[in-house]
């Protein structure tokens, strides 16, 4: 299993792991005689957000090229995600204005991590220039389709737009001129 595949599997485990953290904290914060207070729910969501952020950052930190623009965009995405939670709570009020504040905090709070993870996926993705630099550092400045010879450098997927042949990145890199001799050593 490649490191990327392992990271993707771990990424899929974020939802059940954060759900378990949420449930454990929610049960721990239950008060006799009623639901948790708004303050306790905000505290609960803050701990869950921290868990998600640490998990996600630790998982992808070495794969992301941390440019100043990306750091600022990540901070901006965090603000947008928090605002999405406020927007979700406002939507709940618009739909049913007699909902208790605890329901609004639960609904609004659930939107934040979903929005944040989606925004980081967009902000952290590799640009075409970064991909070309990574391939050049790996010794593959030009990536050629082995079927038709089309120059595939800079494409976002390992499918040739000329002939339609599809590869995994590992398959494509293994058949590049000069790479087979290097991997055989």
C-alpha atoms as a PDB file:
ATOM      1  CA  UNK A   1       0.000   0.000   0.000  1.00  0.00           C
ATOM      2  CA  UNK A   2       1.409   3.390  -0.940  1.00  0.00           C
ATOM      3  CA  UNK A   3       1.640   6.235   1.561  1.00  0.00           C
ATOM      4  CA  UNK A   4      -1.036   8.156  -0.323  1.00  0.00           C
ATOM      5  CA  UNK A   5      -3.461   5.236  -0.201  1.00  0.00           C
ATOM      6  CA  UNK A   6      -2.776   4.824   3.520  1.00  0.00           C
ATOM      7  CA  UNK A   7      -3.457   8.533   4.041  1.00  0.00           C
ATOM      8  CA  UNK A   8      -6.722   8.268   2.101  1.00  0.00           C
ATOM      9  CA  UNK A   9      -7.836   5.357   4.275  1.00  0.00           C
ATOM     10  CA  UNK A  10      -6.978   7.361   7.385  1.00  0.00           C
ATOM     11  CA  UNK A  11      -8.843  10.355   5.918  1.00  0.00           C
ATOM     12  CA  UNK A  12     -11.965   8.194   5.594  1.00  0.00           C
ATOM     13  CA  UNK A  13     -11.640   7.330   9.276  1.00  0.00           C
ATOM     14  CA  UNK A  14     -11.903  11.005  10.264  1.00  0.00           C
ATOM     15  CA  UNK A  15     -15.716  10.932  10.298  1.00  0.00           C
ATOM     16  CA  UNK A  16     -16.145   7.911  12.574  1.00  0.00           C
ATOM     17  CA  UNK A  17     -13.265   9.025  14.819  1.00  0.00           C
ATOM     18  CA  UNK A  18     -14.638  12.544  15.260  1.00  0.00           C
ATOM     19  CA  UNK A  19     -18.136  11.103  15.718  1.00  0.00           C
ATOM     20  CA  UNK A  20     -16.834   8.910  18.538  1.00  0.00           C
ATOM     21  CA  UNK A  21     -15.147  11.913  20.174  1.00  0.00           C
ATOM     22  CA  UNK A  22     -18.406  13.862  19.867  1.00  0.00           C
ATOM     23  CA  UNK A  23     -20.538  11.083  21.395  1.00  0.00           C
ATOM     24  CA  UNK A  24     -18.137  10.470  24.279  1.00  0.00           C
ATOM     25  CA  UNK A  25     -17.981  14.187  25.094  1.00  0.00           C
ATOM     26  CA  UNK A  26     -21.742  14.636  24.686  1.00  0.00           C
ATOM     27  CA  UNK A  27     -22.481  11.799  27.117  1.00  0.00           C
ATOM     28  CA  UNK A  28     -19.883  13.163  29.550  1.00  0.00           C
ATOM     29  CA  UNK A  29     -21.508  16.623  29.415  1.00  0.00           C
ATOM     30  CA  UNK A  30     -25.082  15.469  29.984  1.00  0.00           C
ATOM     31  CA  UNK A  31     -26.640  17.133  32.998  1.00  0.00           C
ATOM     32  CA  UNK A  32     -29.244  15.550  35.223  1.00  0.00           C
ATOM     33  CA  UNK A  33     -32.649  16.973  34.472  1.00  0.00           C
ATOM     34  CA  UNK A  34     -32.063  18.264  30.952  1.00  0.00           C
ATOM     35  CA  UNK A  35     -29.885  18.711  27.903  1.00  0.00           C
ATOM     36  CA  UNK A  36     -26.414  20.248  28.085  1.00  0.00           C
ATOM     37  CA  UNK A  37     -26.264  24.023  28.276  1.00  0.00           C
ATOM     38  CA  UNK A  38     -25.373  26.119  25.221  1.00  0.00           C
ATOM     39  CA  UNK A  39     -21.984  26.880  26.805  1.00  0.00           C
ATOM     40  CA  UNK A  40     -21.240  23.166  27.244  1.00  0.00           C
ATOM     41  CA  UNK A  41     -22.262  22.447  23.635  1.00  0.00           C
ATOM     42  CA  UNK A  42     -19.997  25.211  22.343  1.00  0.00           C
ATOM     43  CA  UNK A  43     -17.187  23.752  24.459  1.00  0.00           C
ATOM     44  CA  UNK A  44     -17.971  20.284  23.054  1.00  0.00           C
ATOM     45  CA  UNK A  45     -17.834  21.534  19.461  1.00  0.00           C
ATOM     46  CA  UNK A  46     -14.599  23.420  20.168  1.00  0.00           C
ATOM     47  CA  UNK A  47     -12.932  20.216  21.383  1.00  0.00           C
ATOM     48  CA  UNK A  48     -14.256  18.272  18.374  1.00  0.00           C
ATOM     49  CA  UNK A  49     -12.993  21.010  16.010  1.00  0.00           C
ATOM     50  CA  UNK A  50      -9.577  20.866  17.646  1.00  0.00           C
ATOM     51  CA  UNK A  51      -9.507  17.071  17.273  1.00  0.00           C
ATOM     52  CA  UNK A  52     -10.466  17.304  13.580  1.00  0.00           C
ATOM     53  CA  UNK A  53      -7.948  20.060  12.840  1.00  0.00           C
ATOM     54  CA  UNK A  54      -5.073  18.237  14.552  1.00  0.00           C
ATOM     55  CA  UNK A  55      -5.982  14.908  12.898  1.00  0.00           C
ATOM     56  CA  UNK A  56      -6.294  16.474   9.432  1.00  0.00           C
ATOM     57  CA  UNK A  57      -3.150  18.596   9.731  1.00  0.00           C
ATOM     58  CA  UNK A  58      -1.056  15.691  11.023  1.00  0.00           C
ATOM     59  CA  UNK A  59      -2.384  13.473   8.253  1.00  0.00           C
ATOM     60  CA  UNK A  60      -1.642  15.828   5.353  1.00  0.00           C
ATOM     61  CA  UNK A  61       1.065  18.209   6.653  1.00  0.00           C
ATOM     62  CA  UNK A  62       3.913  16.547   4.767  1.00  0.00           C
ATOM     63  CA  UNK A  63       1.935  16.368   1.509  1.00  0.00           C
ATOM     64  CA  UNK A  64       1.001  20.056   1.421  1.00  0.00           C
ATOM     65  CA  UNK A  65       3.452  22.687   0.219  1.00  0.00           C
ATOM     66  CA  UNK A  66       2.933  25.350   2.890  1.00  0.00           C
ATOM     67  CA  UNK A  67       3.217  28.631   1.040  1.00  0.00           C
ATOM     68  CA  UNK A  68       2.230  31.919   2.704  1.00  0.00           C
ATOM     69  CA  UNK A  69      -0.801  32.059   0.378  1.00  0.00           C
ATOM     70  CA  UNK A  70      -1.900  28.585   1.500  1.00  0.00           C
ATOM     71  CA  UNK A  71      -1.534  29.446   5.183  1.00  0.00           C
ATOM     72  CA  UNK A  72      -3.639  32.608   4.738  1.00  0.00           C
ATOM     73  CA  UNK A  73      -6.201  30.710   2.626  1.00  0.00           C
ATOM     74  CA  UNK A  74      -6.436  28.018   5.318  1.00  0.00           C
ATOM     75  CA  UNK A  75      -7.060  30.671   7.987  1.00  0.00           C
ATOM     76  CA  UNK A  76      -9.658  32.280   5.722  1.00  0.00           C
ATOM     77  CA  UNK A  77     -11.258  28.880   5.139  1.00  0.00           C
ATOM     78  CA  UNK A  78     -11.479  28.437   8.903  1.00  0.00           C
ATOM     79  CA  UNK A  79     -13.367  31.734   9.184  1.00  0.00           C
ATOM     80  CA  UNK A  80     -15.673  30.747   6.317  1.00  0.00           C
ATOM     81  CA  UNK A  81     -16.333  27.366   7.968  1.00  0.00           C
ATOM     82  CA  UNK A  82     -17.242  29.059  11.262  1.00  0.00           C
ATOM     83  CA  UNK A  83     -19.566  31.420   9.389  1.00  0.00           C
ATOM     84  CA  UNK A  84     -21.183  28.417   7.702  1.00  0.00           C
ATOM     85  CA  UNK A  85     -22.086  27.156  11.181  1.00  0.00           C
ATOM     86  CA  UNK A  86     -23.728  30.482  11.990  1.00  0.00           C
ATOM     87  CA  UNK A  87     -25.516  30.307   8.647  1.00  0.00           C
ATOM     88  CA  UNK A  88     -26.792  26.805   9.403  1.00  0.00           C
ATOM     89  CA  UNK A  89     -28.131  27.959  12.765  1.00  0.00           C
ATOM     90  CA  UNK A  90     -29.812  30.934  11.063  1.00  0.00           C
ATOM     91  CA  UNK A  91     -31.373  28.583   8.509  1.00  0.00           C
ATOM     92  CA  UNK A  92     -32.727  26.425  11.326  1.00  0.00           C
ATOM     93  CA  UNK A  93     -34.278  29.514  12.937  1.00  0.00           C
ATOM     94  CA  UNK A  94     -35.819  30.518   9.598  1.00  0.00           C
ATOM     95  CA  UNK A  95     -37.350  27.074   9.149  1.00  0.00           C
ATOM     96  CA  UNK A  96     -38.584  26.729  12.726  1.00  0.00           C
ATOM     97  CA  UNK A  97     -38.248  29.721  15.044  1.00  0.00           C
ATOM     98  CA  UNK A  98     -39.265  27.816  18.195  1.00  0.00           C
ATOM     99  CA  UNK A  99     -36.233  25.520  18.256  1.00  0.00           C
ATOM    100  CA  UNK A 100     -34.322  25.559  21.535  1.00  0.00           C
ATOM    101  CA  UNK A 101     -30.854  27.158  21.414  1.00  0.00           C
ATOM    102  CA  UNK A 102     -29.198  23.776  22.046  1.00  0.00           C
ATOM    103  CA  UNK A 103     -30.593  22.428  18.753  1.00  0.00           C
ATOM    104  CA  UNK A 104     -29.291  25.487  16.918  1.00  0.00           C
ATOM    105  CA  UNK A 105     -25.809  24.999  18.396  1.00  0.00           C
ATOM    106  CA  UNK A 106     -25.841  21.308  17.492  1.00  0.00           C
ATOM    107  CA  UNK A 107     -26.994  21.946  13.912  1.00  0.00           C
ATOM    108  CA  UNK A 108     -24.734  24.925  13.314  1.00  0.00           C
ATOM    109  CA  UNK A 109     -21.781  23.214  14.933  1.00  0.00           C
ATOM    110  CA  UNK A 110     -22.075  20.190  12.679  1.00  0.00           C
ATOM    111  CA  UNK A 111     -21.700  22.308   9.542  1.00  0.00           C
ATOM    112  CA  UNK A 112     -18.333  23.750  10.573  1.00  0.00           C
ATOM    113  CA  UNK A 113     -16.063  20.669  10.316  1.00  0.00           C
ATOM    114  CA  UNK A 114     -17.679  19.565   7.062  1.00  0.00           C
ATOM    115  CA  UNK A 115     -17.114  22.989   5.498  1.00  0.00           C
ATOM    116  CA  UNK A 116     -13.561  23.223   6.879  1.00  0.00           C
ATOM    117  CA  UNK A 117     -12.431  19.842   5.539  1.00  0.00           C
ATOM    118  CA  UNK A 118     -13.950  20.573   2.120  1.00  0.00           C
ATOM    119  CA  UNK A 119     -12.267  23.989   2.001  1.00  0.00           C
ATOM    120  CA  UNK A 120      -8.883  22.545   2.970  1.00  0.00           C
ATOM    121  CA  UNK A 121      -9.176  19.969   0.198  1.00  0.00           C
ATOM    122  CA  UNK A 122      -9.604  22.838  -2.269  1.00  0.00           C
ATOM    123  CA  UNK A 123      -6.969  25.137  -0.744  1.00  0.00           C
ATOM    124  CA  UNK A 124      -4.329  22.440  -0.193  1.00  0.00           C
ATOM    125  CA  UNK A 125      -4.503  20.738  -3.590  1.00  0.00           C
ATOM    126  CA  UNK A 126      -1.368  20.751  -5.690  1.00  0.00           C
ATOM    127  CA  UNK A 127      -1.103  23.420  -8.397  1.00  0.00           C
ATOM    128  CA  UNK A 128       0.113  22.581 -11.897  1.00  0.00           C
ATOM    129  CA  UNK A 129       3.437  24.352 -11.198  1.00  0.00           C
ATOM    130  CA  UNK A 130       3.924  22.405  -7.946  1.00  0.00           C
ATOM    131  CA  UNK A 131       3.185  19.146  -9.741  1.00  0.00           C
ATOM    132  CA  UNK A 132       5.706  19.950 -12.484  1.00  0.00           C
ATOM    133  CA  UNK A 133       8.336  20.790  -9.828  1.00  0.00           C
ATOM    134  CA  UNK A 134       7.594  17.548  -7.948  1.00  0.00           C
ATOM    135  CA  UNK A 135       7.898  15.484 -11.115  1.00  0.00           C
ATOM    136  CA  UNK A 136      11.131  17.252 -12.095  1.00  0.00           C
ATOM    137  CA  UNK A 137      12.555  16.540  -8.624  1.00  0.00           C
ATOM    138  CA  UNK A 138      11.642  12.872  -9.117  1.00  0.00           C
ATOM    139  CA  UNK A 139      13.610  12.870 -12.377  1.00  0.00           C
ATOM    140  CA  UNK A 140      10.620  12.906 -14.684  1.00  0.00           C
ATOM    141  CA  UNK A 141      10.468  16.355 -16.213  1.00  0.00           C
ATOM    142  CA  UNK A 142       8.382  15.083 -19.127  1.00  0.00           C
ATOM    143  CA  UNK A 143       5.704  12.450 -18.707  1.00  0.00           C
ATOM    144  CA  UNK A 144       4.916  10.714 -21.974  1.00  0.00           C
ATOM    145  CA  UNK A 145       1.913   8.498 -22.747  1.00  0.00           C
ATOM    146  CA  UNK A 146       3.375   5.056 -23.533  1.00  0.00           C
ATOM    147  CA  UNK A 147       0.566   4.323 -26.009  1.00  0.00           C
ATOM    148  CA  UNK A 148       0.557   7.399 -28.243  1.00  0.00           C
ATOM    149  CA  UNK A 149       3.525   9.504 -27.082  1.00  0.00           C
ATOM    150  CA  UNK A 150       1.412  12.478 -25.992  1.00  0.00           C
ATOM    151  CA  UNK A 151       3.213  14.780 -23.510  1.00  0.00           C
ATOM    152  CA  UNK A 152       1.143  14.471 -20.305  1.00  0.00           C
ATOM    153  CA  UNK A 153       3.219  16.769 -18.058  1.00  0.00           C
ATOM    154  CA  UNK A 154       1.000  19.130 -16.072  1.00  0.00           C
ATOM    155  CA  UNK A 155      -2.215  17.132 -16.419  1.00  0.00           C
ATOM    156  CA  UNK A 156      -4.323  16.657 -13.302  1.00  0.00           C
ATOM    157  CA  UNK A 157      -5.036  12.990 -13.925  1.00  0.00           C
ATOM    158  CA  UNK A 158      -3.149   9.982 -15.280  1.00  0.00           C
ATOM    159  CA  UNK A 159      -5.418   9.635 -18.326  1.00  0.00           C
ATOM    160  CA  UNK A 160      -4.139  10.606 -21.743  1.00  0.00           C
ATOM    161  CA  UNK A 161      -6.418  13.189 -23.379  1.00  0.00           C
ATOM    162  CA  UNK A 162      -5.128  12.140 -26.814  1.00  0.00           C
ATOM    163  CA  UNK A 163      -5.796   8.383 -26.842  1.00  0.00           C
ATOM    164  CA  UNK A 164      -7.845   7.943 -23.634  1.00  0.00           C
ATOM    165  CA  UNK A 165      -5.502   5.391 -22.013  1.00  0.00           C
ATOM    166  CA  UNK A 166      -5.726   5.449 -18.206  1.00  0.00           C
ATOM    167  CA  UNK A 167      -2.965   4.585 -15.765  1.00  0.00           C
ATOM    168  CA  UNK A 168      -2.169   4.789 -12.098  1.00  0.00           C
ATOM    169  CA  UNK A 169       0.588   7.295 -11.409  1.00  0.00           C
ATOM    170  CA  UNK A 170       2.917   4.435 -10.454  1.00  0.00           C
ATOM    171  CA  UNK A 171       2.251   2.622 -13.760  1.00  0.00           C
ATOM    172  CA  UNK A 172       2.791   5.785 -15.758  1.00  0.00           C
ATOM    173  CA  UNK A 173       6.053   6.658 -14.017  1.00  0.00           C
ATOM    174  CA  UNK A 174       7.400   3.096 -14.331  1.00  0.00           C
ATOM    175  CA  UNK A 175       7.200   3.132 -18.143  1.00  0.00           C
ATOM    176  CA  UNK A 176       8.831   6.533 -18.690  1.00  0.00           C
ATOM    177  CA  UNK A 177      12.022   6.564 -20.793  1.00  0.00           C
ATOM    178  CA  UNK A 178      15.074   6.302 -18.547  1.00  0.00           C
ATOM    179  CA  UNK A 179      13.020   5.313 -15.486  1.00  0.00           C
ATOM    180  CA  UNK A 180      12.936   1.561 -16.168  1.00  0.00           C
ATOM    181  CA  UNK A 181      16.730   1.302 -16.115  1.00  0.00           C
ATOM    182  CA  UNK A 182      16.904   3.315 -12.893  1.00  0.00           C
ATOM    183  CA  UNK A 183      14.285   1.166 -11.142  1.00  0.00           C
ATOM    184  CA  UNK A 184      15.947  -2.075 -12.301  1.00  0.00           C
ATOM    185  CA  UNK A 185      19.194  -1.179 -10.467  1.00  0.00           C
END
